[in-house]
PDB file of N, CA and C in Angstrom:
ATOM      1  N   MET A   1    -135.879-110.332 115.104  1.00  0.00           N
ATOM      2  CA  MET A   1    -134.338-110.690 114.688  1.00  0.00           C
ATOM      3  C   MET A   1    -134.501-112.036 113.784  1.00  0.00           C
ATOM      4  N   SER A   2    -133.587-111.945 112.671  1.00  0.00           N
ATOM      5  CA  SER A   2    -133.747-112.920 111.834  1.00  0.00           C
ATOM      6  C   SER A   2    -133.100-114.208 112.308  1.00  0.00           C
ATOM      7  N   GLU A   3    -133.540-115.421 111.539  1.00  0.00           N
ATOM      8  CA  GLU A   3    -133.144-116.699 111.916  1.00  0.00           C
ATOM      9  C   GLU A   3    -131.629-116.822 111.606  1.00  0.00           C
ATOM     10  N   PRO A   4    -130.773-117.666 112.230  1.00  0.00           N
ATOM     11  CA  PRO A   4    -129.284-117.584 112.158  1.00  0.00           C
ATOM     12  C   PRO A   4    -129.324-118.283 110.784  1.00  0.00           C
ATOM     13  N   ILE A   5    -128.196-118.353 110.177  1.00  0.00           N
ATOM     14  CA  ILE A   5    -127.813-119.002 108.663  1.00  0.00           C
ATOM     15  C   ILE A   5    -127.187-120.322 108.982  1.00  0.00           C
ATOM     16  N   ASN A   6    -127.761-121.541 108.666  1.00  0.00           N
ATOM     17  CA  ASN A   6    -127.025-122.641 108.972  1.00  0.00           C
ATOM     18  C   ASN A   6    -126.014-122.779 107.853  1.00  0.00           C
ATOM     19  N   THR A   7    -124.727-122.470 108.083  1.00  0.00           N
ATOM     20  CA  THR A   7    -123.719-122.847 107.105  1.00  0.00           C
ATOM     21  C   THR A   7    -123.417-124.315 106.698  1.00  0.00           C
ATOM     22  N   ARG A   8    -123.637-125.096 107.477  1.00  0.00           N
ATOM     23  CA  ARG A   8    -123.423-126.521 107.226  1.00  0.00           C
ATOM     24  C   ARG A   8    -124.491-127.205 106.331  1.00  0.00           C
ATOM     25  N   ASP A   9    -125.245-126.419 105.961  1.00  0.00           N
ATOM     26  CA  ASP A   9    -126.421-127.070 105.188  1.00  0.00           C
ATOM     27  C   ASP A   9    -126.027-126.831 103.755  1.00  0.00           C
ATOM     28  N   ALA A  10    -125.871-127.852 102.991  1.00  0.00           N
ATOM     29  CA  ALA A  10    -125.243-127.571 101.536  1.00  0.00           C
ATOM     30  C   ALA A  10    -126.261-127.520 100.468  1.00  0.00           C
ATOM     31  N   THR A  11    -127.228-127.785 100.798  1.00  0.00           N
ATOM     32  CA  THR A  11    -128.376-127.727 100.145  1.00  0.00           C
ATOM     33  C   THR A  11    -128.762-126.371  99.419  1.00  0.00           C
ATOM     34  N   ILE A  12    -129.164-126.112  98.187  1.00  0.00           N
ATOM     35  CA  ILE A  12    -129.170-124.605  97.690  1.00  0.00           C
ATOM     36  C   ILE A  12    -130.608-124.802  97.076  1.00  0.00           C
ATOM     37  N   THR A  13    -131.448-123.707  97.344  1.00  0.00           N
ATOM     38  CA  THR A  13    -132.773-123.735  97.000  1.00  0.00           C
ATOM     39  C   THR A  13    -132.850-123.030  95.640  1.00  0.00           C
ATOM     40  N   SER A  14    -134.134-123.042  95.219  1.00  0.00           N
ATOM     41  CA  SER A  14    -134.124-122.747  93.808  1.00  0.00           C
ATOM     42  C   SER A  14    -133.907-121.180  93.640  1.00  0.00           C
ATOM     43  N   ASP A  15    -134.435-120.479  94.603  1.00  0.00           N
ATOM     44  CA  ASP A  15    -134.231-118.812  94.680  1.00  0.00           C
ATOM     45  C   ASP A  15    -132.683-118.690  94.502  1.00  0.00           C
ATOM     46  N   GLU A  16    -131.976-119.335  95.329  1.00  0.00           N
ATOM     47  CA  GLU A  16    -130.531-119.150  95.436  1.00  0.00           C
ATOM     48  C   GLU A  16    -129.686-119.414  94.101  1.00  0.00           C
ATOM     49  N   GLN A  17    -130.136-120.681  93.488  1.00  0.00           N
ATOM     50  CA  GLN A  17    -129.534-121.223  92.135  1.00  0.00           C
ATOM     51  C   GLN A  17    -130.012-120.127  91.093  1.00  0.00           C
ATOM     52  N   GLN A  18    -130.938-119.797  91.200  1.00  0.00           N
ATOM     53  CA  GLN A  18    -131.469-118.782  90.395  1.00  0.00           C
ATOM     54  C   GLN A  18    -130.387-117.323  90.076  1.00  0.00           C
ATOM     55  N   PHE A  19    -130.427-116.839  91.572  1.00  0.00           N
ATOM     56  CA  PHE A  19    -129.791-115.811  91.876  1.00  0.00           C
ATOM     57  C   PHE A  19    -128.274-115.860  91.226  1.00  0.00           C
ATOM     58  N   GLU A  20    -127.793-117.111  91.664  1.00  0.00           N
ATOM     59  CA  GLU A  20    -126.360-117.289  91.410  1.00  0.00           C
ATOM     60  C   GLU A  20    -126.204-117.282  89.942  1.00  0.00           C
ATOM     61  N   LEU A  21    -127.017-118.056  88.810  1.00  0.00           N
ATOM     62  CA  LEU A  21    -126.983-118.022  87.667  1.00  0.00           C
ATOM     63  C   LEU A  21    -127.073-116.469  86.949  1.00  0.00           C
ATOM     64  N   SER A  22    -127.945-115.455  87.747  1.00  0.00           N
ATOM     65  CA  SER A  22    -127.998-114.360  87.136  1.00  0.00           C
ATOM     66  C   SER A  22    -126.667-113.456  87.447  1.00  0.00           C
ATOM     67  N   LEU A  23    -125.661-114.040  88.163  1.00  0.00           N
ATOM     68  CA  LEU A  23    -124.441-112.954  88.328  1.00  0.00           C
ATOM     69  C   LEU A  23    -123.588-113.565  87.339  1.00  0.00           C
ATOM     70  N   ARG A  24    -123.572-114.807  86.656  1.00  0.00           N
ATOM     71  CA  ARG A  24    -122.409-115.235  86.135  1.00  0.00           C
ATOM     72  C   ARG A  24    -122.811-114.825  84.519  1.00  0.00           C
ATOM     73  N   PRO A  25    -121.651-114.548  83.863  1.00  0.00           N
ATOM     74  CA  PRO A  25    -122.009-113.917  82.533  1.00  0.00           C
ATOM     75  C   PRO A  25    -122.213-115.471  82.005  1.00  0.00           C
ATOM     76  N   THR A  26    -122.883-115.236  80.710  1.00  0.00           N
ATOM     77  CA  THR A  26    -123.221-116.370  79.936  1.00  0.00           C
ATOM     78  C   THR A  26    -122.676-116.449  78.605  1.00  0.00           C
ATOM     79  N   ARG A  27    -122.204-115.146  78.052  1.00  0.00           N
ATOM     80  CA  ARG A  27    -121.364-114.961  76.863  1.00  0.00           C
ATOM     81  C   ARG A  27    -120.336-114.271  77.220  1.00  0.00           C
ATOM     82  N   LEU A  28    -119.085-114.443  76.362  1.00  0.00           N
ATOM     83  CA  LEU A  28    -117.595-113.845  76.811  1.00  0.00           C
ATOM     84  C   LEU A  28    -117.695-112.122  76.448  1.00  0.00           C
ATOM     85  N   ALA A  29    -118.930-111.887  75.634  1.00  0.00           N
ATOM     86  CA  ALA A  29    -119.166-110.578  75.508  1.00  0.00           C
ATOM     87  C   ALA A  29    -119.683-109.699  76.779  1.00  0.00           C
ATOM     88  N   GLU A  30    -120.034-110.507  77.701  1.00  0.00           N
ATOM     89  CA  GLU A  30    -120.462-109.901  78.988  1.00  0.00           C
ATOM     90  C   GLU A  30    -119.458-109.706  80.114  1.00  0.00           C
ATOM     91  N   TYR A  31    -118.214-110.126  79.887  1.00  0.00           N
ATOM     92  CA  TYR A  31    -116.904-109.961  80.592  1.00  0.00           C
ATOM     93  C   TYR A  31    -116.427-108.515  80.534  1.00  0.00           C
ATOM     94  N   ILE A  32    -117.426-107.604  80.734  1.00  0.00           N
ATOM     95  CA  ILE A  32    -116.937-106.204  80.998  1.00  0.00           C
ATOM     96  C   ILE A  32    -115.767-105.839  81.608  1.00  0.00           C
ATOM     97  N   GLY A  33    -114.899-105.007  80.963  1.00  0.00           N
ATOM     98  CA  GLY A  33    -113.515-104.753  81.629  1.00  0.00           C
ATOM     99  C   GLY A  33    -112.858-105.825  81.882  1.00  0.00           C
ATOM    100  N   GLN A  34    -112.727-106.861  81.458  1.00  0.00           N
ATOM    101  CA  GLN A  34    -111.813-108.120  81.702  1.00  0.00           C
ATOM    102  C   GLN A  34    -111.348-108.647  80.028  1.00  0.00           C
ATOM    103  N   ARG A  35    -110.801-107.527  79.489  1.00  0.00           N
ATOM    104  CA  ARG A  35    -110.492-108.166  77.887  1.00  0.00           C
ATOM    105  C   ARG A  35    -109.609-109.174  78.107  1.00  0.00           C
ATOM    106  N   ARG A  36    -108.347-109.062  78.602  1.00  0.00           N
ATOM    107  CA  ARG A  36    -107.565-110.194  78.848  1.00  0.00           C
ATOM    108  C   ARG A  36    -107.945-111.522  79.153  1.00  0.00           C
ATOM    109  N   ALA A  37    -108.802-111.571  80.157  1.00  0.00           N
ATOM    110  CA  ALA A  37    -109.703-112.518  80.640  1.00  0.00           C
ATOM    111  C   ALA A  37    -110.456-113.312  79.314  1.00  0.00           C
ATOM    112  N   SER A  38    -111.174-112.663  78.698  1.00  0.00           N
ATOM    113  CA  SER A  38    -112.161-112.964  77.819  1.00  0.00           C
ATOM    114  C   SER A  38    -111.299-113.663  76.535  1.00  0.00           C
ATOM    115  N   ASP A  39    -110.355-112.575  76.102  1.00  0.00           N
ATOM    116  CA  ASP A  39    -109.362-113.223  75.071  1.00  0.00           C
ATOM    117  C   ASP A  39    -108.751-114.698  75.241  1.00  0.00           C
ATOM    118  N   ASN A  40    -108.444-114.783  76.779  1.00  0.00           N
ATOM    119  CA  ASN A  40    -107.986-116.075  77.115  1.00  0.00           C
ATOM    120  C   ASN A  40    -108.928-117.294  76.858  1.00  0.00           C
ATOM    121  N   LEU A  41    -110.231-116.908  77.525  1.00  0.00           N
ATOM    122  CA  LEU A  41    -111.204-117.671  77.716  1.00  0.00           C
ATOM    123  C   LEU A  41    -111.633-118.262  75.991  1.00  0.00           C
ATOM    124  N   ARG A  42    -111.617-117.362  74.957  1.00  0.00           N
ATOM    125  CA  ARG A  42    -111.932-117.478  73.873  1.00  0.00           C
ATOM    126  C   ARG A  42    -111.018-118.471  73.167  1.00  0.00           C
ATOM    127  N   ILE A  43    -109.602-118.354  73.537  1.00  0.00           N
ATOM    128  CA  ILE A  43    -108.552-119.249  73.090  1.00  0.00           C
ATOM    129  C   ILE A  43    -108.724-120.537  73.620  1.00  0.00           C
ATOM    130  N   PHE A  44    -108.843-120.540  74.934  1.00  0.00           N
ATOM    131  CA  PHE A  44    -109.086-122.047  75.102  1.00  0.00           C
ATOM    132  C   PHE A  44    -110.205-122.794  74.862  1.00  0.00           C
ATOM    133  N   ILE A  45    -111.207-121.972  74.435  1.00  0.00           N
ATOM    134  CA  ILE A  45    -112.730-122.714  74.076  1.00  0.00           C
ATOM    135  C   ILE A  45    -112.405-123.182  72.627  1.00  0.00           C
ATOM    136  N   ARG A  46    -111.829-122.400  71.840  1.00  0.00           N
ATOM    137  CA  ARG A  46    -111.331-122.683  70.371  1.00  0.00           C
ATOM    138  C   ARG A  46    -110.534-123.812  70.357  1.00  0.00           C
ATOM    139  N   ALA A  47    -109.581-123.978  71.344  1.00  0.00           N
ATOM    140  CA  ALA A  47    -108.714-125.192  71.229  1.00  0.00           C
ATOM    141  C   ALA A  47    -109.119-126.524  71.779  1.00  0.00           C
ATOM    142  N   ALA A  48    -110.208-126.490  72.618  1.00  0.00           N
ATOM    143  CA  ALA A  48    -111.008-127.479  73.125  1.00  0.00           C
ATOM    144  C   ALA A  48    -111.748-127.976  71.915  1.00  0.00           C
ATOM    145  N   LEU A  49    -112.562-127.036  71.334  1.00  0.00           N
ATOM    146  CA  LEU A  49    -113.680-127.415  70.147  1.00  0.00           C
ATOM    147  C   LEU A  49    -112.751-127.983  69.045  1.00  0.00           C
ATOM    148  N   ASN A  50    -111.565-127.676  68.641  1.00  0.00           N
ATOM    149  CA  ASN A  50    -110.735-128.193  67.828  1.00  0.00           C
ATOM    150  C   ASN A  50    -110.081-129.663  68.014  1.00  0.00           C
ATOM    151  N   ARG A  51    -109.971-129.821  69.492  1.00  0.00           N
ATOM    152  CA  ARG A  51    -109.507-131.248  69.745  1.00  0.00           C
ATOM    153  C   ARG A  51    -110.680-132.116  69.630  1.00  0.00           C
ATOM    154  N   ARG A  52    -111.786-131.776  69.228  1.00  0.00           N
ATOM    155  CA  ARG A  52    -112.885-132.829  69.453  1.00  0.00           C
ATOM    156  C   ARG A  52    -112.729-133.888  68.283  1.00  0.00           C
TER     157      ARG A  52
END
């Protein structure tokens, strides 16, 4: 039987962190099937960059 998982422990191992990063898109083009969301993000990013 495997060890129980301590859900109160907030530390993240490097393996877990690497796994989490691999799940997240790094480019707007990687948001497959989410055209509206990526279009909105593109607009928000451009607006933020223009405010600099």
